[in-house]
Amino acid sequence: MDALKSRARSFVYAFSGIVSLLVSQPNARIHAFVTLVVLAAGFFIGLSRVEWCVIVITIAAVWAAEALNTSLEFLADATSPGLHPLVKKAKDIAAGGVLVAAVASVIVGVIIFGPRILSLLIN
């Protein structure tokens, strides 16, 4: 029973982390808005199962990168509140990881949604 309570608590902590991410990070709110737009567009356009899988994995990658970036920034600020060149470098690299995931997600979006949107505009 204690193991079950421990598992349940870990989910509570994880959801609390997601809420904290959304509350504290403007970019996370942008990701949330774009996620909702992409999901709505996917339902409207009628994506295939494979396309949904690619979209879900892409969305998850961006969210995971943003969460890891934010957690690294919080840890870095807690351990080194002042300016430190290595902390700056770590933060910049983590932010670069989010940028890579976000650019890749845009490319995936263009590949999946582009032809359909173009077709709707032409017809």
N, C-alpha and C. Protein backbone atom coordinates (compact mmCIF):
# COMPACT_ATOMS: atom_id res chain seq x y z
N MET A 1 0.82 -1.20 0.00
CA MET A 1 0.00 0.00 0.00
C MET A 1 0.86 1.27 0.00
N ASP A 2 1.98 1.22 0.73
CA ASP A 2 2.88 2.38 0.74
C ASP A 2 3.47 2.65 -0.63
N ALA A 3 3.76 1.58 -1.37
CA ALA A 3 4.30 1.75 -2.72
C ALA A 3 3.27 2.43 -3.62
N LEU A 4 2.01 2.08 -3.46
CA LEU A 4 0.95 2.69 -4.26
C LEU A 4 0.81 4.18 -3.91
N LYS A 5 0.86 4.49 -2.63
CA LYS A 5 0.79 5.89 -2.21
C LYS A 5 1.99 6.67 -2.73
N SER A 6 3.15 6.04 -2.71
CA SER A 6 4.37 6.68 -3.21
C SER A 6 4.25 6.97 -4.70
N ARG A 7 3.71 6.02 -5.46
CA ARG A 7 3.51 6.22 -6.90
C ARG A 7 2.52 7.36 -7.14
N ALA A 8 1.43 7.36 -6.40
CA ALA A 8 0.42 8.41 -6.55
C ALA A 8 1.03 9.78 -6.23
N ARG A 9 1.84 9.84 -5.17
CA ARG A 9 2.49 11.09 -4.80
C ARG A 9 3.42 11.57 -5.91
N SER A 10 4.11 10.65 -6.57
CA SER A 10 5.03 11.05 -7.64
C SER A 10 4.27 11.69 -8.80
N PHE A 11 3.05 11.21 -9.07
CA PHE A 11 2.23 11.84 -10.11
C PHE A 11 1.79 13.24 -9.67
N VAL A 12 1.44 13.38 -8.41
CA VAL A 12 1.05 14.70 -7.89
C VAL A 12 2.21 15.67 -8.05
N TYR A 13 3.43 15.22 -7.70
CA TYR A 13 4.61 16.08 -7.85
C TYR A 13 4.85 16.44 -9.32
N ALA A 14 4.67 15.47 -10.19
CA ALA A 14 4.89 15.73 -11.62
C ALA A 14 3.88 16.75 -12.16
N PHE A 15 2.61 16.59 -11.79
CA PHE A 15 1.60 17.56 -12.24
C PHE A 15 1.85 18.93 -11.64
N SER A 16 2.33 18.96 -10.40
CA SER A 16 2.70 20.23 -9.78
C SER A 16 3.83 20.89 -10.56
N GLY A 17 4.76 20.09 -11.03
CA GLY A 17 5.86 20.61 -11.84
C GLY A 17 5.37 21.21 -13.15
N ILE A 18 4.41 20.55 -13.77
CA ILE A 18 3.85 21.07 -15.03
C ILE A 18 3.15 22.40 -14.78
N VAL A 19 2.39 22.47 -13.69
CA VAL A 19 1.71 23.73 -13.34
C VAL A 19 2.74 24.81 -13.09
N SER A 20 3.79 24.49 -12.34
CA SER A 20 4.86 25.45 -12.07
C SER A 20 5.52 25.93 -13.36
N LEU A 21 5.74 25.01 -14.27
CA LEU A 21 6.32 25.35 -15.58
C LEU A 21 5.43 26.36 -16.30
N LEU A 22 4.13 26.09 -16.34
CA LEU A 22 3.19 26.98 -17.04
C LEU A 22 3.08 28.34 -16.36
N VAL A 23 3.10 28.35 -15.03
CA VAL A 23 2.95 29.60 -14.29
C VAL A 23 4.21 30.47 -14.41
N SER A 24 5.37 29.84 -14.37
CA SER A 24 6.61 30.60 -14.29
C SER A 24 7.26 30.92 -15.63
N GLN A 25 6.88 30.22 -16.68
CA GLN A 25 7.61 30.37 -17.94
C GLN A 25 6.72 30.85 -19.08
N PRO A 26 6.92 32.07 -19.56
CA PRO A 26 6.12 32.58 -20.69
C PRO A 26 6.22 31.68 -21.93
N ASN A 27 7.41 31.12 -22.19
CA ASN A 27 7.56 30.26 -23.36
C ASN A 27 6.72 28.99 -23.23
N ALA A 28 6.55 28.49 -22.02
CA ALA A 28 5.71 27.31 -21.80
C ALA A 28 4.26 27.63 -22.14
N ARG A 29 3.84 28.84 -21.82
CA ARG A 29 2.46 29.23 -22.17
C ARG A 29 2.30 29.34 -23.69
N ILE A 30 3.34 29.79 -24.36
CA ILE A 30 3.31 29.81 -25.83
C ILE A 30 3.24 28.38 -26.35
N HIS A 31 4.04 27.47 -25.78
CA HIS A 31 3.99 26.06 -26.18
C HIS A 31 2.59 25.49 -25.95
N ALA A 32 1.96 25.86 -24.84
CA ALA A 32 0.62 25.36 -24.53
C ALA A 32 -0.39 25.84 -25.58
N PHE A 33 -0.31 27.11 -25.94
CA PHE A 33 -1.22 27.65 -26.95
C PHE A 33 -1.01 26.96 -28.30
N VAL A 34 0.24 26.84 -28.70
CA VAL A 34 0.55 26.20 -29.98
C VAL A 34 0.12 24.72 -29.96
N THR A 35 0.32 24.06 -28.81
CA THR A 35 -0.12 22.66 -28.68
C THR A 35 -1.62 22.56 -28.93
N LEU A 36 -2.40 23.43 -28.31
CA LEU A 36 -3.86 23.40 -28.49
C LEU A 36 -4.25 23.68 -29.94
N VAL A 37 -3.57 24.63 -30.57
CA VAL A 37 -3.85 24.96 -31.98
C VAL A 37 -3.54 23.75 -32.88
N VAL A 38 -2.40 23.12 -32.64
CA VAL A 38 -1.99 21.96 -33.45
C VAL A 38 -2.96 20.80 -33.25
N LEU A 39 -3.36 20.55 -32.01
CA LEU A 39 -4.30 19.46 -31.75
C LEU A 39 -5.65 19.74 -32.42
N ALA A 40 -6.14 20.98 -32.33
CA ALA A 40 -7.40 21.34 -32.97
C ALA A 40 -7.28 21.20 -34.49
N ALA A 41 -6.18 21.67 -35.04
CA ALA A 41 -5.96 21.56 -36.49
C ALA A 41 -5.89 20.10 -36.91
N GLY A 42 -5.25 19.27 -36.10
CA GLY A 42 -5.15 17.85 -36.41
C GLY A 42 -6.51 17.19 -36.46
N PHE A 43 -7.38 17.53 -35.51
CA PHE A 43 -8.74 16.97 -35.53
C PHE A 43 -9.53 17.51 -36.72
N PHE A 44 -9.37 18.80 -37.01
CA PHE A 44 -10.09 19.42 -38.13
C PHE A 44 -9.67 18.81 -39.46
N ILE A 45 -8.38 18.61 -39.64
CA ILE A 45 -7.85 18.09 -40.90
C ILE A 45 -8.03 16.58 -41.00
N GLY A 46 -8.08 15.91 -39.88
CA GLY A 46 -8.24 14.46 -39.90
C GLY A 46 -6.94 13.73 -40.15
N LEU A 47 -5.99 13.90 -39.24
CA LEU A 47 -4.69 13.26 -39.38
C LEU A 47 -4.82 11.73 -39.29
N SER A 48 -3.90 11.05 -39.95
CA SER A 48 -3.84 9.60 -39.85
C SER A 48 -3.22 9.21 -38.51
N ARG A 49 -3.28 7.94 -38.18
CA ARG A 49 -2.68 7.47 -36.92
C ARG A 49 -1.18 7.74 -36.89
N VAL A 50 -0.53 7.48 -37.98
CA VAL A 50 0.92 7.71 -38.03
C VAL A 50 1.23 9.20 -37.87
N GLU A 51 0.47 10.04 -38.53
CA GLU A 51 0.67 11.49 -38.40
C GLU A 51 0.43 11.93 -36.95
N TRP A 52 -0.60 11.39 -36.31
CA TRP A 52 -0.85 11.71 -34.90
C TRP A 52 0.33 11.30 -34.04
N CYS A 53 0.87 10.12 -34.31
CA CYS A 53 2.03 9.66 -33.54
C CYS A 53 3.20 10.62 -33.68
N VAL A 54 3.45 11.07 -34.89
CA VAL A 54 4.55 12.00 -35.12
C VAL A 54 4.28 13.33 -34.41
N ILE A 55 3.05 13.82 -34.50
CA ILE A 55 2.69 15.08 -33.85
C ILE A 55 2.82 14.96 -32.33
N VAL A 56 2.32 13.88 -31.75
CA VAL A 56 2.38 13.70 -30.29
C VAL A 56 3.84 13.60 -29.82
N ILE A 57 4.64 12.85 -30.54
CA ILE A 57 6.06 12.73 -30.17
C ILE A 57 6.76 14.09 -30.28
N THR A 58 6.43 14.83 -31.31
CA THR A 58 7.05 16.14 -31.52
C THR A 58 6.64 17.10 -30.41
N ILE A 59 5.35 17.12 -30.08
CA ILE A 59 4.88 17.98 -28.99
C ILE A 59 5.56 17.59 -27.68
N ALA A 60 5.63 16.29 -27.41
CA ALA A 60 6.27 15.82 -26.18
C ALA A 60 7.74 16.22 -26.13
N ALA A 61 8.42 16.17 -27.26
CA ALA A 61 9.84 16.53 -27.29
C ALA A 61 10.03 18.00 -26.93
N VAL A 62 9.18 18.86 -27.45
CA VAL A 62 9.29 20.29 -27.14
C VAL A 62 9.01 20.53 -25.66
N TRP A 63 7.93 19.90 -25.14
CA TRP A 63 7.59 20.07 -23.73
C TRP A 63 8.69 19.54 -22.83
N ALA A 64 9.25 18.38 -23.18
CA ALA A 64 10.33 17.80 -22.37
C ALA A 64 11.55 18.71 -22.39
N ALA A 65 11.89 19.23 -23.55
CA ALA A 65 13.05 20.13 -23.64
C ALA A 65 12.81 21.39 -22.81
N GLU A 66 11.61 21.95 -22.89
CA GLU A 66 11.30 23.15 -22.11
C GLU A 66 11.36 22.87 -20.61
N ALA A 67 10.83 21.72 -20.19
CA ALA A 67 10.85 21.36 -18.77
C ALA A 67 12.29 21.16 -18.28
N LEU A 68 13.09 20.47 -19.06
CA LEU A 68 14.49 20.25 -18.67
C LEU A 68 15.27 21.56 -18.63
N ASN A 69 15.02 22.42 -19.60
CA ASN A 69 15.67 23.72 -19.63
C ASN A 69 15.30 24.54 -18.39
N THR A 70 14.02 24.55 -18.08
CA THR A 70 13.56 25.32 -16.92
C THR A 70 14.12 24.76 -15.62
N SER A 71 14.12 23.44 -15.49
CA SER A 71 14.66 22.85 -14.26
C SER A 71 16.15 23.13 -14.12
N LEU A 72 16.88 23.08 -15.23
CA LEU A 72 18.31 23.41 -15.19
C LEU A 72 18.52 24.86 -14.77
N GLU A 73 17.68 25.76 -15.30
CA GLU A 73 17.80 27.18 -14.94
C GLU A 73 17.53 27.39 -13.45
N PHE A 74 16.49 26.74 -12.92
CA PHE A 74 16.19 26.87 -11.49
C PHE A 74 17.34 26.34 -10.64
N LEU A 75 17.86 25.17 -11.00
CA LEU A 75 18.98 24.60 -10.24
C LEU A 75 20.21 25.49 -10.32
N ALA A 76 20.49 26.00 -11.52
CA ALA A 76 21.66 26.86 -11.69
C ALA A 76 21.52 28.13 -10.86
N ASP A 77 20.32 28.72 -10.86
CA ASP A 77 20.10 29.94 -10.08
C ASP A 77 20.21 29.68 -8.58
N ALA A 78 19.77 28.49 -8.15
CA ALA A 78 19.84 28.15 -6.73
C ALA A 78 21.29 27.91 -6.29
N THR A 79 22.09 27.32 -7.14
CA THR A 79 23.46 26.97 -6.75
C THR A 79 24.45 28.09 -7.02
N SER A 80 24.12 28.95 -7.98
CA SER A 80 25.03 30.04 -8.33
C SER A 80 24.20 31.29 -8.65
N PRO A 81 23.71 31.98 -7.62
CA PRO A 81 22.83 33.14 -7.86
C PRO A 81 23.49 34.27 -8.64
N GLY A 82 24.79 34.41 -8.50
CA GLY A 82 25.50 35.46 -9.23
C GLY A 82 25.82 35.01 -10.65
N LEU A 83 26.38 35.93 -11.41
CA LEU A 83 26.77 35.60 -12.78
C LEU A 83 28.00 34.70 -12.76
N HIS A 84 27.92 33.62 -13.50
CA HIS A 84 29.07 32.72 -13.62
C HIS A 84 29.12 32.26 -15.07
N PRO A 85 30.29 32.33 -15.70
CA PRO A 85 30.37 32.00 -17.13
C PRO A 85 29.95 30.56 -17.46
N LEU A 86 30.23 29.61 -16.58
CA LEU A 86 29.82 28.22 -16.85
C LEU A 86 28.32 28.03 -16.70
N VAL A 87 27.72 28.74 -15.75
CA VAL A 87 26.26 28.67 -15.58
C VAL A 87 25.59 29.29 -16.81
N LYS A 88 26.13 30.41 -17.28
CA LYS A 88 25.58 31.03 -18.49
C LYS A 88 25.67 30.08 -19.67
N LYS A 89 26.81 29.42 -19.80
CA LYS A 89 27.00 28.49 -20.90
C LYS A 89 26.00 27.33 -20.81
N ALA A 90 25.80 26.79 -19.61
CA ALA A 90 24.85 25.69 -19.42
C ALA A 90 23.44 26.13 -19.76
N LYS A 91 23.06 27.33 -19.32
CA LYS A 91 21.72 27.84 -19.62
C LYS A 91 21.54 28.06 -21.13
N ASP A 92 22.56 28.62 -21.76
CA ASP A 92 22.49 28.87 -23.21
C ASP A 92 22.37 27.56 -23.98
N ILE A 93 23.11 26.56 -23.57
CA ILE A 93 23.05 25.26 -24.26
C ILE A 93 21.67 24.63 -24.07
N ALA A 94 21.14 24.69 -22.86
CA ALA A 94 19.80 24.14 -22.61
C ALA A 94 18.75 24.88 -23.43
N ALA A 95 18.86 26.20 -23.49
CA ALA A 95 17.93 26.98 -24.31
C ALA A 95 18.08 26.61 -25.79
N GLY A 96 19.30 26.35 -26.21
CA GLY A 96 19.54 25.90 -27.58
C GLY A 96 18.85 24.58 -27.86
N GLY A 97 18.83 23.69 -26.87
CA GLY A 97 18.11 22.42 -27.03
C GLY A 97 16.63 22.63 -27.24
N VAL A 98 16.05 23.57 -26.52
CA VAL A 98 14.63 23.89 -26.72
C VAL A 98 14.43 24.45 -28.13
N LEU A 99 15.33 25.31 -28.56
CA LEU A 99 15.22 25.88 -29.90
C LEU A 99 15.29 24.79 -30.97
N VAL A 100 16.19 23.85 -30.82
CA VAL A 100 16.29 22.74 -31.78
C VAL A 100 14.97 21.97 -31.84
N ALA A 101 14.41 21.64 -30.67
CA ALA A 101 13.15 20.90 -30.63
C ALA A 101 12.02 21.72 -31.26
N ALA A 102 11.98 23.01 -30.96
CA ALA A 102 10.91 23.87 -31.49
C ALA A 102 11.02 24.01 -33.02
N VAL A 103 12.23 24.21 -33.52
CA VAL A 103 12.41 24.32 -34.98
C VAL A 103 12.05 23.00 -35.66
N ALA A 104 12.47 21.89 -35.07
CA ALA A 104 12.11 20.58 -35.64
C ALA A 104 10.59 20.40 -35.65
N SER A 105 9.92 20.87 -34.60
CA SER A 105 8.46 20.73 -34.56
C SER A 105 7.79 21.57 -35.64
N VAL A 106 8.33 22.73 -35.91
CA VAL A 106 7.78 23.56 -37.00
C VAL A 106 7.97 22.85 -38.34
N ILE A 107 9.13 22.26 -38.54
CA ILE A 107 9.39 21.53 -39.79
C ILE A 107 8.42 20.36 -39.92
N VAL A 108 8.23 19.60 -38.84
CA VAL A 108 7.26 18.50 -38.86
C VAL A 108 5.87 19.03 -39.18
N GLY A 109 5.50 20.15 -38.56
CA GLY A 109 4.19 20.75 -38.81
C GLY A 109 4.01 21.14 -40.26
N VAL A 110 5.03 21.73 -40.84
CA VAL A 110 4.95 22.12 -42.26
C VAL A 110 4.82 20.88 -43.14
N ILE A 111 5.56 19.84 -42.84
CA ILE A 111 5.49 18.61 -43.64
C ILE A 111 4.11 17.97 -43.55
N ILE A 112 3.54 17.93 -42.34
CA ILE A 112 2.26 17.26 -42.16
C ILE A 112 1.08 18.15 -42.54
N PHE A 113 1.09 19.39 -42.09
CA PHE A 113 -0.06 20.27 -42.31
C PHE A 113 0.03 21.07 -43.61
N GLY A 114 1.25 21.35 -44.05
CA GLY A 114 1.44 22.20 -45.22
C GLY A 114 0.64 21.80 -46.45
N PRO A 115 0.80 20.57 -46.94
CA PRO A 115 0.06 20.19 -48.14
C PRO A 115 -1.46 20.28 -47.97
N ARG A 116 -1.97 19.94 -46.79
CA ARG A 116 -3.41 19.99 -46.56
C ARG A 116 -3.92 21.42 -46.52
N ILE A 117 -3.17 22.29 -45.86
CA ILE A 117 -3.58 23.70 -45.80
C ILE A 117 -3.50 24.32 -47.17
N LEU A 118 -2.45 23.99 -47.91
CA LEU A 118 -2.30 24.49 -49.28
C LEU A 118 -3.48 24.03 -50.13
N SER A 119 -3.85 22.78 -49.98
CA SER A 119 -4.97 22.22 -50.74
C SER A 119 -6.28 22.94 -50.39
N LEU A 120 -6.48 23.24 -49.11
CA LEU A 120 -7.68 23.97 -48.70
C LEU A 120 -7.71 25.38 -49.27
N LEU A 121 -6.55 26.01 -49.33
CA LEU A 121 -6.48 27.37 -49.85
C LEU A 121 -6.67 27.43 -51.36
N ILE A 122 -6.18 26.42 -52.07
CA ILE A 122 -6.28 26.39 -53.52
C ILE A 122 -7.70 26.04 -53.96
N ASN A 123 -8.33 25.10 -53.26
CA ASN A 123 -9.68 24.67 -53.65
C ASN A 123 -10.68 25.50 -53.02
